[in-house]
Amino acid sequence: MGFALWIDGDVARAQGTHEYRPMGEAVVAVTDQFRLRDFRPGAPLRRRDGAAFAGLFASLEEVNRYLVRRRSHAGGKNLDQASRRLESIT
């Protein structure tokens, strides 16, 4: 599994893949957490650049942990980008 995350204001969007097949996209409030049932197939792929792109994650649990950490820091400004981006996908 792999997940890409975008944060735009109060909205978090994630796109996931499972064994290289797209799972679709899920949208939640940044104060919420993602669940597998939130993902809907058929969403167009988003670009992985720009200010809204938060990073790549190996699991949905990791995405949710990041959202919790982000809430506990003042506006998410103090998070280390290297700690939330995958170096390689295996």
PDB file of N, CA and C in Angstrom:
ATOM      1  N   MET A   1       0.843  -1.182   0.000  1.00  0.00           N
ATOM      2  CA  MET A   1       0.000   0.000   0.000  1.00  0.00           C
ATOM      3  C   MET A   1       0.882   1.236   0.000  1.00  0.00           C
ATOM      4  N   GLY A   2       0.346   2.288  -0.530  1.00  0.00           N
ATOM      5  CA  GLY A   2       1.007   3.570  -0.521  1.00  0.00           C
ATOM      6  C   GLY A   2      -0.024   4.670  -0.614  1.00  0.00           C
ATOM      7  N   PHE A   3       0.242   5.782   0.044  1.00  0.00           N
ATOM      8  CA  PHE A   3      -0.719   6.878   0.083  1.00  0.00           C
ATOM      9  C   PHE A   3      -0.014   8.198  -0.140  1.00  0.00           C
ATOM     10  N   ALA A   4      -0.618   9.042  -0.967  1.00  0.00           N
ATOM     11  CA  ALA A   4      -0.166  10.409  -1.156  1.00  0.00           C
ATOM     12  C   ALA A   4      -1.172  11.307  -0.450  1.00  0.00           C
ATOM     13  N   LEU A   5      -0.660  12.352   0.204  1.00  0.00           N
ATOM     14  CA  LEU A   5      -1.514  13.222   1.012  1.00  0.00           C
ATOM     15  C   LEU A   5      -1.353  14.673   0.576  1.00  0.00           C
ATOM     16  N   TRP A   6      -2.487  15.375   0.472  1.00  0.00           N
ATOM     17  CA  TRP A   6      -2.522  16.800   0.214  1.00  0.00           C
ATOM     18  C   TRP A   6      -3.327  17.454   1.317  1.00  0.00           C
ATOM     19  N   ILE A   7      -2.857  18.597   1.793  1.00  0.00           N
ATOM     20  CA  ILE A   7      -3.587  19.353   2.804  1.00  0.00           C
ATOM     21  C   ILE A   7      -3.810  20.755   2.253  1.00  0.00           C
ATOM     22  N   ASP A   8      -5.079  21.128   2.163  1.00  0.00           N
ATOM     23  CA  ASP A   8      -5.455  22.425   1.624  1.00  0.00           C
ATOM     24  C   ASP A   8      -6.429  23.076   2.604  1.00  0.00           C
ATOM     25  N   GLY A   9      -5.910  23.926   3.459  1.00  0.00           N
ATOM     26  CA  GLY A   9      -6.746  24.573   4.465  1.00  0.00           C
ATOM     27  C   GLY A   9      -7.231  23.565   5.493  1.00  0.00           C
ATOM     28  N   ASP A  10      -8.540  23.414   5.602  1.00  0.00           N
ATOM     29  CA  ASP A  10      -9.135  22.499   6.580  1.00  0.00           C
ATOM     30  C   ASP A  10      -9.467  21.135   5.997  1.00  0.00           C
ATOM     31  N   VAL A  11      -9.009  20.878   4.766  1.00  0.00           N
ATOM     32  CA  VAL A  11      -9.338  19.632   4.078  1.00  0.00           C
ATOM     33  C   VAL A  11      -8.070  18.826   3.807  1.00  0.00           C
ATOM     34  N   ALA A  12      -8.139  17.529   4.094  1.00  0.00           N
ATOM     35  CA  ALA A  12      -7.047  16.606   3.773  1.00  0.00           C
ATOM     36  C   ALA A  12      -7.566  15.643   2.710  1.00  0.00           C
ATOM     37  N   ARG A  13      -6.772  15.452   1.648  1.00  0.00           N
ATOM     38  CA  ARG A  13      -7.123  14.525   0.578  1.00  0.00           C
ATOM     39  C   ARG A  13      -6.024  13.482   0.475  1.00  0.00           C
ATOM     40  N   ALA A  14      -6.413  12.248   0.320  1.00  0.00           N
ATOM     41  CA  ALA A  14      -5.437  11.175   0.158  1.00  0.00           C
ATOM     42  C   ALA A  14      -5.827  10.329  -1.037  1.00  0.00           C
ATOM     43  N   GLN A  15      -4.814   9.884  -1.772  1.00  0.00           N
ATOM     44  CA  GLN A  15      -5.017   8.912  -2.834  1.00  0.00           C
ATOM     45  C   GLN A  15      -4.182   7.702  -2.483  1.00  0.00           C
ATOM     46  N   GLY A  16      -4.765   6.529  -2.637  1.00  0.00           N
ATOM     47  CA  GLY A  16      -4.064   5.325  -2.253  1.00  0.00           C
ATOM     48  C   GLY A  16      -3.932   4.324  -3.378  1.00  0.00           C
ATOM     49  N   THR A  17      -2.927   3.474  -3.242  1.00  0.00           N
ATOM     50  CA  THR A  17      -2.748   2.346  -4.153  1.00  0.00           C
ATOM     51  C   THR A  17      -2.581   1.090  -3.312  1.00  0.00           C
ATOM     52  N   HIS A  18      -3.058  -0.005  -3.839  1.00  0.00           N
ATOM     53  CA  HIS A  18      -2.905  -1.302  -3.189  1.00  0.00           C
ATOM     54  C   HIS A  18      -2.383  -2.262  -4.235  1.00  0.00           C
ATOM     55  N   GLU A  19      -1.187  -2.765  -4.008  1.00  0.00           N
ATOM     56  CA  GLU A  19      -0.528  -3.649  -4.971  1.00  0.00           C
ATOM     57  C   GLU A  19      -0.549  -3.026  -6.369  1.00  0.00           C
ATOM     58  N   TYR A  20      -0.192  -1.755  -6.441  1.00  0.00           N
ATOM     59  CA  TYR A  20      -0.066  -0.985  -7.677  1.00  0.00           C
ATOM     60  C   TYR A  20      -1.392  -0.708  -8.384  1.00  0.00           C
ATOM     61  N   ARG A  21      -2.509  -1.010  -7.747  1.00  0.00           N
ATOM     62  CA  ARG A  21      -3.819  -0.669  -8.308  1.00  0.00           C
ATOM     63  C   ARG A  21      -4.371   0.526  -7.539  1.00  0.00           C
ATOM     64  N   PRO A  22      -4.898   1.517  -8.242  1.00  0.00           N
ATOM     65  CA  PRO A  22      -5.448   2.690  -7.554  1.00  0.00           C
ATOM     66  C   PRO A  22      -6.643   2.319  -6.681  1.00  0.00           C
ATOM     67  N   MET A  23      -6.665   2.850  -5.456  1.00  0.00           N
ATOM     68  CA  MET A  23      -7.796   2.665  -4.547  1.00  0.00           C
ATOM     69  C   MET A  23      -8.798   3.802  -4.685  1.00  0.00           C
ATOM     70  N   GLY A  24      -8.338   4.911  -5.225  1.00  0.00           N
ATOM     71  CA  GLY A  24      -9.190   6.077  -5.338  1.00  0.00           C
ATOM     72  C   GLY A  24      -8.760   7.163  -4.374  1.00  0.00           C
ATOM     73  N   GLU A  25      -9.684   8.096  -4.132  1.00  0.00           N
ATOM     74  CA  GLU A  25      -9.393   9.257  -3.310  1.00  0.00           C
ATOM     75  C   GLU A  25     -10.360   9.337  -2.142  1.00  0.00           C
ATOM     76  N   ALA A  26      -9.862   9.861  -1.026  1.00  0.00           N
ATOM     77  CA  ALA A  26     -10.694  10.109   0.147  1.00  0.00           C
ATOM     78  C   ALA A  26     -10.452  11.543   0.591  1.00  0.00           C
ATOM     79  N   VAL A  27     -11.505  12.176   1.091  1.00  0.00           N
ATOM     80  CA  VAL A  27     -11.421  13.549   1.568  1.00  0.00           C
ATOM     81  C   VAL A  27     -12.009  13.596   2.966  1.00  0.00           C
ATOM     82  N   VAL A  28     -11.238  14.155   3.914  1.00  0.00           N
ATOM     83  CA  VAL A  28     -11.714  14.316   5.290  1.00  0.00           C
ATOM     84  C   VAL A  28     -11.258  15.679   5.794  1.00  0.00           C
ATOM     85  N   ALA A  29     -11.828  16.108   6.901  1.00  0.00           N
ATOM     86  CA  ALA A  29     -11.343  17.316   7.573  1.00  0.00           C
ATOM     87  C   ALA A  29      -9.983  17.005   8.188  1.00  0.00           C
ATOM     88  N   VAL A  30      -9.132  18.007   8.304  1.00  0.00           N
ATOM     89  CA  VAL A  30      -7.800  17.770   8.869  1.00  0.00           C
ATOM     90  C   VAL A  30      -7.881  17.354  10.333  1.00  0.00           C
ATOM     91  N   THR A  31      -9.013  17.545  10.970  1.00  0.00           N
ATOM     92  CA  THR A  31      -9.192  17.125  12.359  1.00  0.00           C
ATOM     93  C   THR A  31      -9.716  15.702  12.466  1.00  0.00           C
ATOM     94  N   ASP A  32      -9.987  15.058  11.339  1.00  0.00           N
ATOM     95  CA  ASP A  32     -10.510  13.696  11.302  1.00  0.00           C
ATOM     96  C   ASP A  32      -9.394  12.725  10.948  1.00  0.00           C
ATOM     97  N   GLN A  33      -9.744  11.455  10.763  1.00  0.00           N
ATOM     98  CA  GLN A  33      -8.791  10.438  10.331  1.00  0.00           C
ATOM     99  C   GLN A  33      -9.378   9.671   9.155  1.00  0.00           C
ATOM    100  N   PHE A  34      -8.481   9.150   8.311  1.00  0.00           N
ATOM    101  CA  PHE A  34      -8.900   8.371   7.149  1.00  0.00           C
ATOM    102  C   PHE A  34      -9.200   6.929   7.553  1.00  0.00           C
ATOM    103  N   ARG A  35     -10.162   6.335   6.859  1.00  0.00           N
ATOM    104  CA  ARG A  35     -10.486   4.917   6.994  1.00  0.00           C
ATOM    105  C   ARG A  35     -10.528   4.324   5.583  1.00  0.00           C
ATOM    106  N   LEU A  36     -10.271   3.044   5.457  1.00  0.00           N
ATOM    107  CA  LEU A  36     -10.269   2.413   4.133  1.00  0.00           C
ATOM    108  C   LEU A  36     -11.593   2.605   3.410  1.00  0.00           C
ATOM    109  N   ARG A  37     -12.690   2.570   4.136  1.00  0.00           N
ATOM    110  CA  ARG A  37     -14.000   2.709   3.493  1.00  0.00           C
ATOM    111  C   ARG A  37     -14.242   4.115   2.936  1.00  0.00           C
ATOM    112  N   ASP A  38     -13.396   5.094   3.310  1.00  0.00           N
ATOM    113  CA  ASP A  38     -13.532   6.457   2.801  1.00  0.00           C
ATOM    114  C   ASP A  38     -13.099   6.590   1.342  1.00  0.00           C
ATOM    115  N   PHE A  39     -12.310   5.659   0.845  1.00  0.00           N
ATOM    116  CA  PHE A  39     -11.731   5.776  -0.495  1.00  0.00           C
ATOM    117  C   PHE A  39     -12.740   5.382  -1.563  1.00  0.00           C
ATOM    118  N   ARG A  40     -12.844   6.255  -2.564  1.00  0.00           N
ATOM    119  CA  ARG A  40     -13.760   6.032  -3.680  1.00  0.00           C
ATOM    120  C   ARG A  40     -12.945   5.975  -4.971  1.00  0.00           C
ATOM    121  N   PRO A  41     -13.094   4.894  -5.737  1.00  0.00           N
ATOM    122  CA  PRO A  41     -12.347   4.790  -6.998  1.00  0.00           C
ATOM    123  C   PRO A  41     -12.854   5.782  -8.033  1.00  0.00           C
ATOM    124  N   GLY A  42     -12.019   6.026  -9.017  1.00  0.00           N
ATOM    125  CA  GLY A  42     -12.434   6.844 -10.135  1.00  0.00           C
ATOM    126  C   GLY A  42     -12.003   8.292 -10.085  1.00  0.00           C
ATOM    127  N   ALA A  43     -11.391   8.722  -9.003  1.00  0.00           N
ATOM    128  CA  ALA A  43     -10.942  10.112  -8.930  1.00  0.00           C
ATOM    129  C   ALA A  43      -9.709  10.298  -9.821  1.00  0.00           C
ATOM    130  N   PRO A  44      -9.609  11.419 -10.504  1.00  0.00           N
ATOM    131  CA  PRO A  44      -8.421  11.661 -11.328  1.00  0.00           C
ATOM    132  C   PRO A  44      -7.177  11.794 -10.448  1.00  0.00           C
ATOM    133  N   LEU A  45      -6.035  11.395 -10.975  1.00  0.00           N
ATOM    134  CA  LEU A  45      -4.795  11.507 -10.224  1.00  0.00           C
ATOM    135  C   LEU A  45      -4.409  12.968 -10.061  1.00  0.00           C
ATOM    136  N   ARG A  46      -3.901  13.290  -8.892  1.00  0.00           N
ATOM    137  CA  ARG A  46      -3.459  14.652  -8.602  1.00  0.00           C
ATOM    138  C   ARG A  46      -1.961  14.760  -8.799  1.00  0.00           C
ATOM    139  N   ARG A  47      -1.509  15.958  -9.071  1.00  0.00           N
ATOM    140  CA  ARG A  47      -0.074  16.207  -9.206  1.00  0.00           C
ATOM    141  C   ARG A  47       0.561  16.197  -7.826  1.00  0.00           C
ATOM    142  N   ARG A  48       1.760  15.667  -7.757  1.00  0.00           N
ATOM    143  CA  ARG A  48       2.462  15.580  -6.476  1.00  0.00           C
ATOM    144  C   ARG A  48       3.487  16.693  -6.335  1.00  0.00           C
ATOM    145  N   ASP A  49       3.054  17.886  -6.609  1.00  0.00           N
ATOM    146  CA  ASP A  49       3.899  19.045  -6.394  1.00  0.00           C
ATOM    147  C   ASP A  49       3.018  20.177  -5.875  1.00  0.00           C
ATOM    148  N   GLY A  50       3.607  21.258  -5.545  1.00  0.00           N
ATOM    149  CA  GLY A  50       2.842  22.387  -5.047  1.00  0.00           C
ATOM    150  C   GLY A  50       2.772  22.400  -3.530  1.00  0.00           C
ATOM    151  N   ALA A  51       2.274  23.488  -3.015  1.00  0.00           N
ATOM    152  CA  ALA A  51       2.247  23.701  -1.564  1.00  0.00           C
ATOM    153  C   ALA A  51       1.302  22.755  -0.834  1.00  0.00           C
ATOM    154  N   ALA A  52       0.248  22.292  -1.480  1.00  0.00           N
ATOM    155  CA  ALA A  52      -0.733  21.444  -0.805  1.00  0.00           C
ATOM    156  C   ALA A  52      -0.243  20.006  -0.619  1.00  0.00           C
ATOM    157  N   PHE A  53       0.751  19.564  -1.404  1.00  0.00           N
ATOM    158  CA  PHE A  53       1.244  18.189  -1.299  1.00  0.00           C
ATOM    159  C   PHE A  53       2.026  18.031  -0.004  1.00  0.00           C
ATOM    160  N   ALA A  54       1.585  17.083   0.851  1.00  0.00           N
ATOM    161  CA  ALA A  54       2.214  16.878   2.160  1.00  0.00           C
ATOM    162  C   ALA A  54       3.226  15.744   2.149  1.00  0.00           C
ATOM    163  N   GLY A  55       3.080  14.764   1.256  1.00  0.00           N
ATOM    164  CA  GLY A  55       4.066  13.700   1.192  1.00  0.00           C
ATOM    165  C   GLY A  55       3.472  12.348   0.843  1.00  0.00           C
ATOM    166  N   LEU A  56       4.361  11.363   0.806  1.00  0.00           N
ATOM    167  CA  LEU A  56       4.001   9.972   0.534  1.00  0.00           C
ATOM    168  C   LEU A  56       4.134   9.171   1.824  1.00  0.00           C
ATOM    169  N   PHE A  57       3.222   8.242   2.022  1.00  0.00           N
ATOM    170  CA  PHE A  57       3.187   7.448   3.246  1.00  0.00           C
ATOM    171  C   PHE A  57       3.012   5.980   2.900  1.00  0.00           C
ATOM    172  N   ALA A  58       3.566   5.110   3.723  1.00  0.00           N
ATOM    173  CA  ALA A  58       3.532   3.679   3.462  1.00  0.00           C
ATOM    174  C   ALA A  58       2.235   3.020   3.909  1.00  0.00           C
ATOM    175  N   SER A  59       1.499   3.645   4.810  1.00  0.00           N
ATOM    176  CA  SER A  59       0.263   3.035   5.303  1.00  0.00           C
ATOM    177  C   SER A  59      -0.730   4.121   5.691  1.00  0.00           C
ATOM    178  N   LEU A  60      -1.979   3.733   5.800  1.00  0.00           N
ATOM    179  CA  LEU A  60      -3.010   4.663   6.227  1.00  0.00           C
ATOM    180  C   LEU A  60      -2.797   5.058   7.686  1.00  0.00           C
ATOM    181  N   GLU A  61      -2.293   4.139   8.480  1.00  0.00           N
ATOM    182  CA  GLU A  61      -1.979   4.433   9.881  1.00  0.00           C
ATOM    183  C   GLU A  61      -0.927   5.545   9.968  1.00  0.00           C
ATOM    184  N   GLU A  62       0.059   5.502   9.077  1.00  0.00           N
ATOM    185  CA  GLU A  62       1.095   6.529   9.053  1.00  0.00           C
ATOM    186  C   GLU A  62       0.513   7.888   8.656  1.00  0.00           C
ATOM    187  N   VAL A  63      -0.411   7.901   7.719  1.00  0.00           N
ATOM    188  CA  VAL A  63      -1.086   9.143   7.322  1.00  0.00           C
ATOM    189  C   VAL A  63      -1.826   9.720   8.524  1.00  0.00           C
ATOM    190  N   ASN A  64      -2.578   8.884   9.218  1.00  0.00           N
ATOM    191  CA  ASN A  64      -3.346   9.348  10.373  1.00  0.00           C
ATOM    192  C   ASN A  64      -2.443   9.838  11.490  1.00  0.00           C
ATOM    193  N   ARG A  65      -1.313   9.151  11.722  1.00  0.00           N
ATOM    194  CA  ARG A  65      -0.354   9.617  12.736  1.00  0.00           C
ATOM    195  C   ARG A  65       0.193  10.994  12.368  1.00  0.00           C
ATOM    196  N   TYR A  66       0.465  11.192  11.086  1.00  0.00           N
ATOM    197  CA  TYR A  66       0.948  12.495  10.629  1.00  0.00           C
ATOM    198  C   TYR A  66      -0.088  13.585  10.907  1.00  0.00           C
ATOM    199  N   LEU A  67      -1.367  13.310  10.622  1.00  0.00           N
ATOM    200  CA  LEU A  67      -2.416  14.299  10.878  1.00  0.00           C
ATOM    201  C   LEU A  67      -2.511  14.630  12.363  1.00  0.00           C
ATOM    202  N   VAL A  68      -2.371  13.632  13.227  1.00  0.00           N
ATOM    203  CA  VAL A  68      -2.400  13.873  14.674  1.00  0.00           C
ATOM    204  C   VAL A  68      -1.201  14.727  15.094  1.00  0.00           C
ATOM    205  N   ARG A  69      -0.006  14.366  14.594  1.00  0.00           N
ATOM    206  CA  ARG A  69       1.201  15.150  14.912  1.00  0.00           C
ATOM    207  C   ARG A  69       1.066  16.579  14.420  1.00  0.00           C
ATOM    208  N   ARG A  70       0.500  16.736  13.247  1.00  0.00           N
ATOM    209  CA  ARG A  70       0.332  18.059  12.656  1.00  0.00           C
ATOM    210  C   ARG A  70      -0.574  18.924  13.523  1.00  0.00           C
ATOM    211  N   ARG A  71      -1.636  18.320  14.066  1.00  0.00           N
ATOM    212  CA  ARG A  71      -2.536  19.063  14.949  1.00  0.00           C
ATOM    213  C   ARG A  71      -1.842  19.458  16.246  1.00  0.00           C
ATOM    214  N   SER A  72      -0.940  18.610  16.734  1.00  0.00           N
ATOM    215  CA  SER A  72      -0.292  18.898  18.015  1.00  0.00           C
ATOM    216  C   SER A  72       0.793  19.971  17.887  1.00  0.00           C
ATOM    217  N   HIS A  73       1.286  20.218  16.685  1.00  0.00           N
ATOM    218  CA  HIS A  73       2.261  21.284  16.433  1.00  0.00           C
ATOM    219  C   HIS A  73       1.499  22.527  15.982  1.00  0.00           C
ATOM    220  N   ALA A  74       2.043  23.657  16.242  1.00  0.00           N
ATOM    221  CA  ALA A  74       1.387  24.927  15.880  1.00  0.00           C
ATOM    222  C   ALA A  74       1.283  25.058  14.366  1.00  0.00           C
ATOM    223  N   GLY A  75       0.151  24.687  13.812  1.00  0.00           N
ATOM    224  CA  GLY A  75      -0.087  24.829  12.382  1.00  0.00           C
ATOM    225  C   GLY A  75       0.680  23.872  11.511  1.00  0.00           C
ATOM    226  N   GLY A  76       1.380  22.904  12.083  1.00  0.00           N
ATOM    227  CA  GLY A  76       2.116  21.933  11.296  1.00  0.00           C
ATOM    228  C   GLY A  76       3.392  22.474  10.691  1.00  0.00           C
ATOM    229  N   LYS A  77       3.822  23.643  11.098  1.00  0.00           N
ATOM    230  CA  LYS A  77       4.993  24.277  10.484  1.00  0.00           C
ATOM    231  C   LYS A  77       6.304  23.645  10.931  1.00  0.00           C
ATOM    232  N   ASN A  78       6.330  22.986  12.084  1.00  0.00           N
ATOM    233  CA  ASN A  78       7.585  22.485  12.639  1.00  0.00           C
ATOM    234  C   ASN A  78       7.906  21.045  12.269  1.00  0.00           C
ATOM    235  N   LEU A  79       7.113  20.422  11.418  1.00  0.00           N
ATOM    236  CA  LEU A  79       7.357  19.030  11.074  1.00  0.00           C
ATOM    237  C   LEU A  79       8.500  18.904  10.081  1.00  0.00           C
ATOM    238  N   ASP A  80       9.313  17.908  10.286  1.00  0.00           N
ATOM    239  CA  ASP A  80      10.443  17.637   9.400  1.00  0.00           C
ATOM    240  C   ASP A  80       9.927  16.930   8.153  1.00  0.00           C
ATOM    241  N   GLN A  81      10.119  17.532   6.988  1.00  0.00           N
ATOM    242  CA  GLN A  81       9.603  16.928   5.760  1.00  0.00           C
ATOM    243  C   GLN A  81      10.208  15.562   5.501  1.00  0.00           C
ATOM    244  N   ALA A  82      11.483  15.372   5.799  1.00  0.00           N
ATOM    245  CA  ALA A  82      12.123  14.084   5.523  1.00  0.00           C
ATOM    246  C   ALA A  82      11.479  12.964   6.328  1.00  0.00           C
ATOM    247  N   SER A  83      10.928  13.268   7.486  1.00  0.00           N
ATOM    248  CA  SER A  83      10.341  12.219   8.317  1.00  0.00           C
ATOM    249  C   SER A  83       9.007  11.721   7.775  1.00  0.00           C
ATOM    250  N   ARG A  84       8.413  12.463   6.839  1.00  0.00           N
ATOM    251  CA  ARG A  84       7.098  12.053   6.353  1.00  0.00           C
ATOM    252  C   ARG A  84       7.101  11.678   4.881  1.00  0.00           C
ATOM    253  N   ARG A  85       8.218  11.703   4.249  1.00  0.00           N
ATOM    254  CA  ARG A  85       8.295  11.319   2.836  1.00  0.00           C
ATOM    255  C   ARG A  85       9.049  10.003   2.723  1.00  0.00           C
ATOM    256  N   LEU A  86       8.539   9.148   1.890  1.00  0.00           N
ATOM    257  CA  LEU A  86       9.198   7.862   1.680  1.00  0.00           C
ATOM    258  C   LEU A  86      10.442   8.048   0.829  1.00  0.00           C
ATOM    259  N   GLU A  87      11.524   7.424   1.235  1.00  0.00           N
ATOM    260  CA  GLU A  87      12.740   7.474   0.437  1.00  0.00           C
ATOM    261  C   GLU A  87      12.597   6.585  -0.787  1.00  0.00           C
ATOM    262  N   SER A  88      11.967   5.428  -0.595  1.00  0.00           N
ATOM    263  CA  SER A  88      11.720   4.524  -1.731  1.00  0.00           C
ATOM    264  C   SER A  88      10.516   3.669  -1.402  1.00  0.00           C
ATOM    265  N   ILE A  89       9.810   3.271  -2.406  1.00  0.00           N
ATOM    266  CA  ILE A  89       8.649   2.386  -2.235  1.00  0.00           C
ATOM    267  C   ILE A  89       9.082   0.995  -2.644  1.00  0.00           C
ATOM    268  N   THR A  90       8.925   0.057  -1.724  1.00  0.00           N
ATOM    269  CA  THR A  90       9.335  -1.321  -2.020  1.00  0.00           C
ATOM    270  C   THR A  90       8.167  -2.190  -2.324  1.00  0.00           C
TER     271      THR A  90
END
